[in-house]
N, C-alpha and C. Protein backbone atom coordinates (compact mmCIF):
# COMPACT_ATOMS: atom_id res chain seq x y z
N MET A 1 -37.44 42.96 30.06
CA MET A 1 -37.97 44.24 30.49
C MET A 1 -37.40 45.33 29.58
N TYR A 2 -38.26 46.20 29.12
CA TYR A 2 -37.86 47.29 28.23
C TYR A 2 -37.43 48.52 29.02
N THR A 3 -36.43 49.22 28.51
CA THR A 3 -36.04 50.50 29.09
C THR A 3 -37.01 51.56 28.56
N PRO A 4 -37.11 52.72 29.22
CA PRO A 4 -37.97 53.78 28.70
C PRO A 4 -37.61 54.19 27.27
N ALA A 5 -36.31 54.23 26.96
CA ALA A 5 -35.89 54.59 25.59
C ALA A 5 -36.37 53.54 24.59
N GLU A 6 -36.31 52.27 24.95
CA GLU A 6 -36.78 51.21 24.06
C GLU A 6 -38.29 51.31 23.85
N VAL A 7 -39.02 51.66 24.90
CA VAL A 7 -40.47 51.83 24.76
C VAL A 7 -40.78 52.95 23.79
N ARG A 8 -40.06 54.08 23.94
CA ARG A 8 -40.26 55.22 23.02
C ARG A 8 -39.92 54.83 21.58
N THR A 9 -38.89 54.05 21.41
CA THR A 9 -38.45 53.63 20.09
C THR A 9 -39.41 52.65 19.45
N LEU A 10 -39.81 51.66 20.21
CA LEU A 10 -40.56 50.54 19.64
C LEU A 10 -42.07 50.77 19.56
N THR A 11 -42.63 51.70 20.33
CA THR A 11 -44.08 51.94 20.30
C THR A 11 -44.57 52.37 18.93
N PRO A 12 -43.93 53.33 18.24
CA PRO A 12 -44.42 53.69 16.90
C PRO A 12 -44.31 52.52 15.91
N VAL A 13 -43.27 51.72 16.04
CA VAL A 13 -43.12 50.56 15.17
C VAL A 13 -44.26 49.59 15.42
N ARG A 14 -44.57 49.35 16.68
CA ARG A 14 -45.67 48.44 17.03
C ARG A 14 -47.00 48.98 16.48
N ASP A 15 -47.24 50.28 16.62
CA ASP A 15 -48.48 50.89 16.11
C ASP A 15 -48.60 50.69 14.60
N ASN A 16 -47.51 50.95 13.86
CA ASN A 16 -47.55 50.76 12.41
C ASN A 16 -47.68 49.29 12.05
N PHE A 17 -47.05 48.44 12.81
CA PHE A 17 -47.17 47.00 12.59
C PHE A 17 -48.63 46.57 12.70
N GLU A 18 -49.32 47.05 13.73
CA GLU A 18 -50.72 46.67 13.93
C GLU A 18 -51.60 47.19 12.79
N LYS A 19 -51.29 48.36 12.25
CA LYS A 19 -52.06 48.90 11.13
C LYS A 19 -51.94 48.01 9.89
N ARG A 20 -50.76 47.41 9.69
CA ARG A 20 -50.52 46.58 8.51
C ARG A 20 -50.90 45.13 8.72
N ALA A 21 -51.29 44.76 9.93
CA ALA A 21 -51.52 43.36 10.28
C ALA A 21 -52.58 42.68 9.41
N SER A 22 -53.50 43.45 8.87
CA SER A 22 -54.59 42.85 8.10
C SER A 22 -54.22 42.62 6.62
N VAL A 23 -53.06 43.10 6.19
CA VAL A 23 -52.64 42.89 4.80
C VAL A 23 -52.23 41.42 4.64
N PRO A 24 -52.74 40.75 3.60
CA PRO A 24 -52.45 39.32 3.46
C PRO A 24 -51.00 39.01 3.07
N ASP A 25 -50.55 37.83 3.44
CA ASP A 25 -49.25 37.28 3.04
C ASP A 25 -48.04 38.08 3.49
N LEU A 26 -48.16 38.78 4.60
CA LEU A 26 -47.01 39.55 5.08
C LEU A 26 -46.14 38.70 6.00
N ARG A 27 -44.84 38.92 5.93
CA ARG A 27 -43.91 38.36 6.91
C ARG A 27 -43.89 39.32 8.10
N ASP A 28 -43.55 38.80 9.24
CA ASP A 28 -43.45 39.68 10.41
C ASP A 28 -42.31 40.66 10.25
N VAL A 29 -41.13 40.17 9.83
CA VAL A 29 -39.98 41.05 9.70
C VAL A 29 -39.18 40.79 8.43
N PHE A 30 -38.55 41.84 7.95
CA PHE A 30 -37.58 41.77 6.86
C PHE A 30 -36.23 41.98 7.52
N LEU A 31 -35.33 41.04 7.36
CA LEU A 31 -34.01 41.14 7.98
C LEU A 31 -33.01 41.69 6.98
N CYS A 32 -32.65 42.95 7.15
CA CYS A 32 -31.65 43.62 6.33
C CYS A 32 -30.29 43.36 6.98
N HIS A 33 -29.35 42.86 6.17
CA HIS A 33 -28.04 42.53 6.71
C HIS A 33 -27.02 42.59 5.58
N ALA A 34 -25.76 42.61 5.96
CA ALA A 34 -24.68 42.56 4.97
C ALA A 34 -24.50 41.13 4.50
N TRP A 35 -24.13 40.98 3.25
CA TRP A 35 -23.91 39.65 2.67
C TRP A 35 -22.91 38.87 3.52
N ASP A 36 -21.89 39.54 4.02
CA ASP A 36 -20.85 38.88 4.81
C ASP A 36 -21.38 38.28 6.11
N ASP A 37 -22.52 38.76 6.60
CA ASP A 37 -23.09 38.31 7.87
C ASP A 37 -24.13 37.21 7.70
N ARG A 38 -24.37 36.78 6.46
CA ARG A 38 -25.47 35.86 6.18
C ARG A 38 -25.35 34.52 6.87
N LYS A 39 -24.14 34.08 7.15
CA LYS A 39 -23.96 32.78 7.80
C LYS A 39 -23.56 32.92 9.27
N GLY A 40 -23.41 34.17 9.73
CA GLY A 40 -23.01 34.43 11.11
C GLY A 40 -24.14 35.08 11.90
N ALA A 41 -23.95 36.35 12.21
CA ALA A 41 -24.90 37.07 13.07
C ALA A 41 -26.30 37.14 12.47
N ALA A 42 -26.42 37.32 11.16
CA ALA A 42 -27.75 37.40 10.54
C ALA A 42 -28.47 36.06 10.65
N LYS A 43 -27.77 34.97 10.41
CA LYS A 43 -28.37 33.64 10.54
C LYS A 43 -28.77 33.38 11.99
N GLU A 44 -27.92 33.78 12.92
CA GLU A 44 -28.24 33.61 14.34
C GLU A 44 -29.53 34.35 14.70
N LEU A 45 -29.62 35.62 14.28
CA LEU A 45 -30.82 36.40 14.58
C LEU A 45 -32.04 35.80 13.90
N HIS A 46 -31.90 35.41 12.64
CA HIS A 46 -32.99 34.76 11.91
C HIS A 46 -33.48 33.53 12.66
N ASP A 47 -32.56 32.65 13.05
CA ASP A 47 -32.93 31.41 13.72
C ASP A 47 -33.59 31.66 15.07
N LEU A 48 -33.07 32.62 15.81
CA LEU A 48 -33.67 32.96 17.11
C LEU A 48 -35.09 33.49 16.94
N LEU A 49 -35.29 34.37 15.95
CA LEU A 49 -36.63 34.91 15.71
C LEU A 49 -37.60 33.81 15.29
N GLU A 50 -37.19 32.99 14.35
CA GLU A 50 -38.08 31.92 13.89
C GLU A 50 -38.40 30.93 15.01
N SER A 51 -37.45 30.69 15.91
CA SER A 51 -37.71 29.77 17.03
C SER A 51 -38.76 30.34 17.97
N LYS A 52 -38.98 31.65 17.89
CA LYS A 52 -40.00 32.31 18.71
C LYS A 52 -41.29 32.55 17.94
N GLY A 53 -41.41 31.93 16.75
CA GLY A 53 -42.64 32.02 15.99
C GLY A 53 -42.75 33.23 15.09
N VAL A 54 -41.66 33.95 14.88
CA VAL A 54 -41.67 35.14 14.03
C VAL A 54 -41.34 34.69 12.60
N SER A 55 -42.15 35.12 11.64
CA SER A 55 -41.85 34.82 10.24
C SER A 55 -40.89 35.89 9.72
N VAL A 56 -39.76 35.44 9.18
CA VAL A 56 -38.68 36.34 8.79
C VAL A 56 -38.40 36.22 7.30
N TRP A 57 -38.38 37.37 6.59
CA TRP A 57 -37.89 37.37 5.22
C TRP A 57 -36.38 37.47 5.33
N PHE A 58 -35.69 36.46 4.80
CA PHE A 58 -34.24 36.35 4.92
C PHE A 58 -33.72 35.89 3.57
N SER A 59 -32.87 36.68 2.97
CA SER A 59 -32.41 36.40 1.61
C SER A 59 -31.83 35.00 1.46
N GLU A 60 -31.19 34.49 2.47
CA GLU A 60 -30.59 33.17 2.39
C GLU A 60 -31.60 32.07 2.08
N LYS A 61 -32.84 32.26 2.49
CA LYS A 61 -33.85 31.23 2.22
C LYS A 61 -34.93 31.70 1.25
N ASP A 62 -35.05 33.00 1.06
CA ASP A 62 -36.17 33.51 0.27
C ASP A 62 -35.81 33.91 -1.16
N VAL A 63 -34.53 33.97 -1.48
CA VAL A 63 -34.14 34.27 -2.85
C VAL A 63 -33.67 32.95 -3.47
N LEU A 64 -34.45 32.47 -4.41
CA LEU A 64 -34.15 31.19 -5.05
C LEU A 64 -33.13 31.38 -6.16
N LEU A 65 -32.37 30.33 -6.43
CA LEU A 65 -31.40 30.37 -7.52
C LEU A 65 -32.10 30.72 -8.83
N GLY A 66 -31.46 31.56 -9.60
CA GLY A 66 -32.01 31.92 -10.91
C GLY A 66 -33.00 33.07 -10.88
N THR A 67 -33.32 33.60 -9.71
CA THR A 67 -34.25 34.72 -9.64
C THR A 67 -33.46 36.02 -9.49
N SER A 68 -34.09 37.13 -9.77
CA SER A 68 -33.46 38.44 -9.65
C SER A 68 -33.38 38.82 -8.17
N LEU A 69 -32.16 38.98 -7.68
CA LEU A 69 -31.96 39.33 -6.28
C LEU A 69 -32.68 40.62 -5.91
N LEU A 70 -32.49 41.66 -6.71
CA LEU A 70 -33.12 42.94 -6.39
C LEU A 70 -34.64 42.85 -6.43
N ARG A 71 -35.18 42.14 -7.39
CA ARG A 71 -36.65 42.02 -7.48
C ARG A 71 -37.20 41.24 -6.29
N GLU A 72 -36.51 40.18 -5.88
CA GLU A 72 -36.96 39.40 -4.73
C GLU A 72 -36.87 40.22 -3.44
N ILE A 73 -35.82 41.02 -3.31
CA ILE A 73 -35.69 41.90 -2.15
C ILE A 73 -36.83 42.91 -2.15
N ASP A 74 -37.13 43.47 -3.31
CA ASP A 74 -38.22 44.44 -3.43
C ASP A 74 -39.54 43.82 -2.97
N LYS A 75 -39.82 42.60 -3.42
CA LYS A 75 -41.04 41.91 -3.00
C LYS A 75 -41.01 41.63 -1.50
N GLY A 76 -39.84 41.23 -0.99
CA GLY A 76 -39.72 40.96 0.44
C GLY A 76 -39.98 42.20 1.28
N LEU A 77 -39.46 43.34 0.83
CA LEU A 77 -39.70 44.59 1.54
C LEU A 77 -41.19 44.94 1.55
N ALA A 78 -41.84 44.74 0.41
CA ALA A 78 -43.27 45.06 0.30
C ALA A 78 -44.13 44.14 1.16
N LYS A 79 -43.65 42.92 1.39
CA LYS A 79 -44.46 41.94 2.10
C LYS A 79 -43.96 41.69 3.53
N SER A 80 -43.36 42.70 4.13
CA SER A 80 -42.90 42.58 5.50
C SER A 80 -43.46 43.71 6.34
N ARG A 81 -43.84 43.36 7.55
CA ARG A 81 -44.46 44.35 8.43
C ARG A 81 -43.43 45.30 9.06
N VAL A 82 -42.27 44.77 9.44
CA VAL A 82 -41.26 45.55 10.14
C VAL A 82 -39.89 45.23 9.54
N GLY A 83 -39.05 46.23 9.46
CA GLY A 83 -37.68 46.01 9.01
C GLY A 83 -36.73 45.98 10.19
N ILE A 84 -35.88 44.97 10.20
CA ILE A 84 -34.83 44.87 11.20
C ILE A 84 -33.52 45.07 10.43
N VAL A 85 -32.71 46.02 10.86
CA VAL A 85 -31.42 46.25 10.22
C VAL A 85 -30.34 45.78 11.18
N LEU A 86 -29.65 44.73 10.80
CA LEU A 86 -28.54 44.23 11.61
C LEU A 86 -27.30 45.03 11.24
N VAL A 87 -26.95 45.95 12.12
CA VAL A 87 -25.84 46.88 11.88
C VAL A 87 -24.55 46.25 12.41
N THR A 88 -23.69 45.87 11.49
CA THR A 88 -22.39 45.28 11.82
C THR A 88 -21.31 46.06 11.06
N PRO A 89 -20.05 45.83 11.36
CA PRO A 89 -19.01 46.49 10.57
C PRO A 89 -19.16 46.20 9.07
N ALA A 90 -19.54 44.99 8.72
CA ALA A 90 -19.73 44.63 7.30
C ALA A 90 -20.86 45.44 6.69
N LEU A 91 -21.97 45.62 7.41
CA LEU A 91 -23.09 46.41 6.88
C LEU A 91 -22.66 47.86 6.69
N LEU A 92 -21.92 48.41 7.63
CA LEU A 92 -21.48 49.79 7.50
C LEU A 92 -20.62 49.96 6.26
N GLN A 93 -19.77 48.99 5.95
CA GLN A 93 -18.97 49.05 4.73
C GLN A 93 -19.85 48.97 3.49
N ARG A 94 -20.84 48.08 3.51
CA ARG A 94 -21.73 47.91 2.35
C ARG A 94 -22.56 49.17 2.10
N VAL A 95 -23.07 49.76 3.17
CA VAL A 95 -23.89 50.98 3.01
C VAL A 95 -23.03 52.11 2.47
N ALA A 96 -21.82 52.24 2.99
CA ALA A 96 -20.92 53.30 2.51
C ALA A 96 -20.61 53.14 1.03
N LYS A 97 -20.59 51.91 0.54
CA LYS A 97 -20.31 51.65 -0.88
C LYS A 97 -21.57 51.64 -1.73
N GLU A 98 -22.71 51.93 -1.12
CA GLU A 98 -24.01 52.01 -1.80
C GLU A 98 -24.36 50.71 -2.52
N GLY A 99 -24.18 49.60 -1.82
CA GLY A 99 -24.54 48.29 -2.36
C GLY A 99 -26.01 47.96 -2.12
N ILE A 100 -26.32 46.70 -2.21
CA ILE A 100 -27.70 46.25 -2.05
C ILE A 100 -28.23 46.58 -0.66
N ALA A 101 -27.41 46.40 0.38
CA ALA A 101 -27.85 46.71 1.74
C ALA A 101 -28.25 48.19 1.84
N ASP A 102 -27.56 49.06 1.12
CA ASP A 102 -27.90 50.48 1.11
C ASP A 102 -29.28 50.70 0.50
N LYS A 103 -29.60 49.95 -0.57
CA LYS A 103 -30.92 50.07 -1.20
C LYS A 103 -32.02 49.58 -0.25
N GLU A 104 -31.77 48.46 0.44
CA GLU A 104 -32.73 47.96 1.42
C GLU A 104 -32.94 49.00 2.52
N LEU A 105 -31.84 49.55 3.01
CA LEU A 105 -31.91 50.54 4.08
C LEU A 105 -32.71 51.76 3.63
N SER A 106 -32.49 52.23 2.42
CA SER A 106 -33.24 53.38 1.91
C SER A 106 -34.74 53.11 1.90
N ALA A 107 -35.12 51.92 1.45
CA ALA A 107 -36.55 51.56 1.43
C ALA A 107 -37.12 51.49 2.83
N LEU A 108 -36.37 50.92 3.75
CA LEU A 108 -36.85 50.80 5.13
C LEU A 108 -36.94 52.15 5.82
N LEU A 109 -36.00 53.05 5.55
CA LEU A 109 -36.03 54.38 6.15
C LEU A 109 -37.24 55.19 5.67
N ALA A 110 -37.75 54.86 4.50
CA ALA A 110 -38.91 55.58 3.97
C ALA A 110 -40.19 55.26 4.75
N ARG A 111 -40.14 54.17 5.52
CA ARG A 111 -41.30 53.78 6.33
C ARG A 111 -40.92 53.87 7.80
N ASP A 112 -41.90 54.05 8.66
CA ASP A 112 -41.62 54.11 10.10
C ASP A 112 -41.76 52.71 10.69
N LEU A 113 -41.09 51.78 10.05
CA LEU A 113 -41.19 50.38 10.45
C LEU A 113 -39.79 49.79 10.50
N LEU A 114 -38.94 50.36 11.33
CA LEU A 114 -37.53 50.03 11.27
C LEU A 114 -36.93 50.00 12.66
N VAL A 115 -36.21 48.92 12.96
CA VAL A 115 -35.51 48.80 14.23
C VAL A 115 -34.06 48.41 13.94
N PRO A 116 -33.09 49.27 14.29
CA PRO A 116 -31.70 48.88 14.12
C PRO A 116 -31.24 47.99 15.28
N ILE A 117 -30.46 46.97 14.95
CA ILE A 117 -29.84 46.10 15.93
C ILE A 117 -28.33 46.27 15.74
N VAL A 118 -27.66 46.90 16.68
CA VAL A 118 -26.23 47.18 16.56
C VAL A 118 -25.46 45.99 17.15
N HIS A 119 -24.57 45.41 16.33
CA HIS A 119 -23.82 44.21 16.72
C HIS A 119 -22.35 44.36 16.31
N ASP A 120 -21.47 44.27 17.29
CA ASP A 120 -20.02 44.37 17.05
C ASP A 120 -19.59 45.71 16.46
N THR A 121 -20.38 46.74 16.71
CA THR A 121 -20.02 48.10 16.31
C THR A 121 -20.74 49.06 17.25
N THR A 122 -20.76 50.34 16.94
CA THR A 122 -21.34 51.34 17.84
C THR A 122 -22.31 52.24 17.08
N TYR A 123 -23.15 52.94 17.83
CA TYR A 123 -24.03 53.92 17.21
C TYR A 123 -23.22 55.07 16.61
N ASP A 124 -22.09 55.42 17.22
CA ASP A 124 -21.25 56.48 16.65
C ASP A 124 -20.77 56.09 15.25
N ALA A 125 -20.32 54.85 15.10
CA ALA A 125 -19.88 54.38 13.78
C ALA A 125 -21.05 54.37 12.80
N LEU A 126 -22.23 54.00 13.28
CA LEU A 126 -23.42 54.00 12.42
C LEU A 126 -23.77 55.41 11.97
N ARG A 127 -23.74 56.37 12.89
CA ARG A 127 -24.09 57.75 12.54
C ARG A 127 -23.14 58.34 11.50
N GLU A 128 -21.88 57.89 11.49
CA GLU A 128 -20.93 58.37 10.49
C GLU A 128 -21.32 57.93 9.08
N VAL A 129 -21.95 56.76 8.97
CA VAL A 129 -22.32 56.21 7.66
C VAL A 129 -23.77 56.53 7.31
N SER A 130 -24.66 56.48 8.31
CA SER A 130 -26.09 56.72 8.08
C SER A 130 -26.67 57.53 9.23
N PRO A 131 -26.60 58.86 9.14
CA PRO A 131 -27.16 59.68 10.21
C PRO A 131 -28.65 59.41 10.46
N LEU A 132 -29.40 59.11 9.39
CA LEU A 132 -30.83 58.83 9.58
C LEU A 132 -31.06 57.56 10.39
N LEU A 133 -30.38 56.49 10.06
CA LEU A 133 -30.54 55.26 10.83
C LEU A 133 -29.94 55.43 12.21
N GLY A 134 -28.81 56.11 12.29
CA GLY A 134 -28.15 56.32 13.58
C GLY A 134 -28.94 57.19 14.53
N SER A 135 -29.89 57.96 14.00
CA SER A 135 -30.72 58.80 14.86
C SER A 135 -31.86 58.02 15.52
N ARG A 136 -32.07 56.80 15.07
CA ARG A 136 -33.12 55.96 15.64
C ARG A 136 -32.55 55.13 16.78
N SER A 137 -33.29 55.09 17.85
CA SER A 137 -32.89 54.20 18.94
C SER A 137 -33.21 52.79 18.52
N GLY A 138 -32.45 51.87 19.02
CA GLY A 138 -32.67 50.47 18.70
C GLY A 138 -32.17 49.60 19.82
N LEU A 139 -31.66 48.46 19.47
CA LEU A 139 -31.17 47.51 20.45
C LEU A 139 -29.71 47.20 20.12
N SER A 140 -28.94 46.83 21.13
CA SER A 140 -27.52 46.59 20.92
C SER A 140 -27.08 45.32 21.64
N THR A 141 -26.32 44.49 20.92
CA THR A 141 -25.79 43.28 21.53
C THR A 141 -24.67 43.59 22.52
N ALA A 142 -24.19 44.82 22.57
CA ALA A 142 -23.22 45.21 23.59
C ALA A 142 -23.91 45.34 24.95
N GLU A 143 -25.23 45.54 24.91
CA GLU A 143 -25.99 45.72 26.15
C GLU A 143 -26.75 44.48 26.58
N GLU A 144 -27.08 43.62 25.63
CA GLU A 144 -27.80 42.39 25.97
C GLU A 144 -27.57 41.34 24.89
N PRO A 145 -27.69 40.07 25.24
CA PRO A 145 -27.41 39.01 24.27
C PRO A 145 -28.41 39.01 23.11
N MET A 146 -27.98 38.44 22.00
CA MET A 146 -28.82 38.35 20.80
C MET A 146 -30.14 37.64 21.12
N ALA A 147 -30.11 36.64 21.99
CA ALA A 147 -31.33 35.90 22.35
C ALA A 147 -32.34 36.82 23.03
N ASP A 148 -31.88 37.72 23.88
CA ASP A 148 -32.79 38.66 24.55
C ASP A 148 -33.36 39.66 23.55
N ILE A 149 -32.52 40.10 22.62
CA ILE A 149 -32.99 41.02 21.57
C ILE A 149 -34.05 40.33 20.72
N ALA A 150 -33.81 39.09 20.34
CA ALA A 150 -34.79 38.35 19.55
C ALA A 150 -36.10 38.21 20.32
N ALA A 151 -36.03 37.99 21.61
CA ALA A 151 -37.25 37.88 22.43
C ALA A 151 -38.02 39.20 22.42
N LYS A 152 -37.32 40.32 22.53
CA LYS A 152 -37.99 41.62 22.49
C LYS A 152 -38.63 41.86 21.12
N LEU A 153 -37.91 41.51 20.06
CA LEU A 153 -38.47 41.69 18.72
C LEU A 153 -39.68 40.79 18.51
N ALA A 154 -39.62 39.57 19.01
CA ALA A 154 -40.74 38.64 18.88
C ALA A 154 -41.96 39.20 19.61
N GLU A 155 -41.75 39.76 20.78
CA GLU A 155 -42.85 40.35 21.53
C GLU A 155 -43.42 41.54 20.77
N LEU A 156 -42.54 42.32 20.15
CA LEU A 156 -42.96 43.50 19.38
C LEU A 156 -43.90 43.14 18.25
N VAL A 157 -43.60 42.06 17.55
CA VAL A 157 -44.38 41.71 16.36
C VAL A 157 -45.39 40.60 16.61
N ALA A 158 -45.51 40.17 17.87
CA ALA A 158 -46.47 39.10 18.17
C ALA A 158 -47.88 39.56 17.83
N PRO A 159 -48.64 38.71 17.16
CA PRO A 159 -50.01 39.08 16.85
C PRO A 159 -50.82 39.30 18.12
N ASN A 160 -51.75 40.21 18.03
CA ASN A 160 -52.64 40.44 19.17
C ASN A 160 -53.39 39.17 19.50
N THR A 161 -53.49 38.89 20.76
CA THR A 161 -54.21 37.70 21.20
C THR A 161 -55.50 38.06 21.89
N THR A 162 -56.03 39.24 21.57
CA THR A 162 -57.27 39.66 22.18
C THR A 162 -58.47 39.10 21.46
């Protein structure tokens, strides 16, 4: 069940998602995460989403050895309907240092297709590093388990069955 704040947050994302639904070869979501989280929380979220039928662009599986990381990320961003930003202490450090996660975040903030997922940190800590991302409502693992968040995201990006 969604809270009123979640409905307000996710409705514009859903509307934009539906507008892009007819573009060919798109992934449902682009998972922006810190490199340090790739085998932990990011992998958990990726696996939960995929188990619910959501196609996820995830650097761990989508960037092949020998390819340009930045170019592959750029293509992944272009071919994803919605951006999910897994906000962890590691991501906050990476964004503050203007690393690759910061570049992904900048691209995602340019579109109204972004949902922050706060994990093992707070919105206050996020606002200190990224006021723009911190101003967006999202979902938090402090309030509900990752599995429930994945279910909400899967419902958000589920194709229309009409």
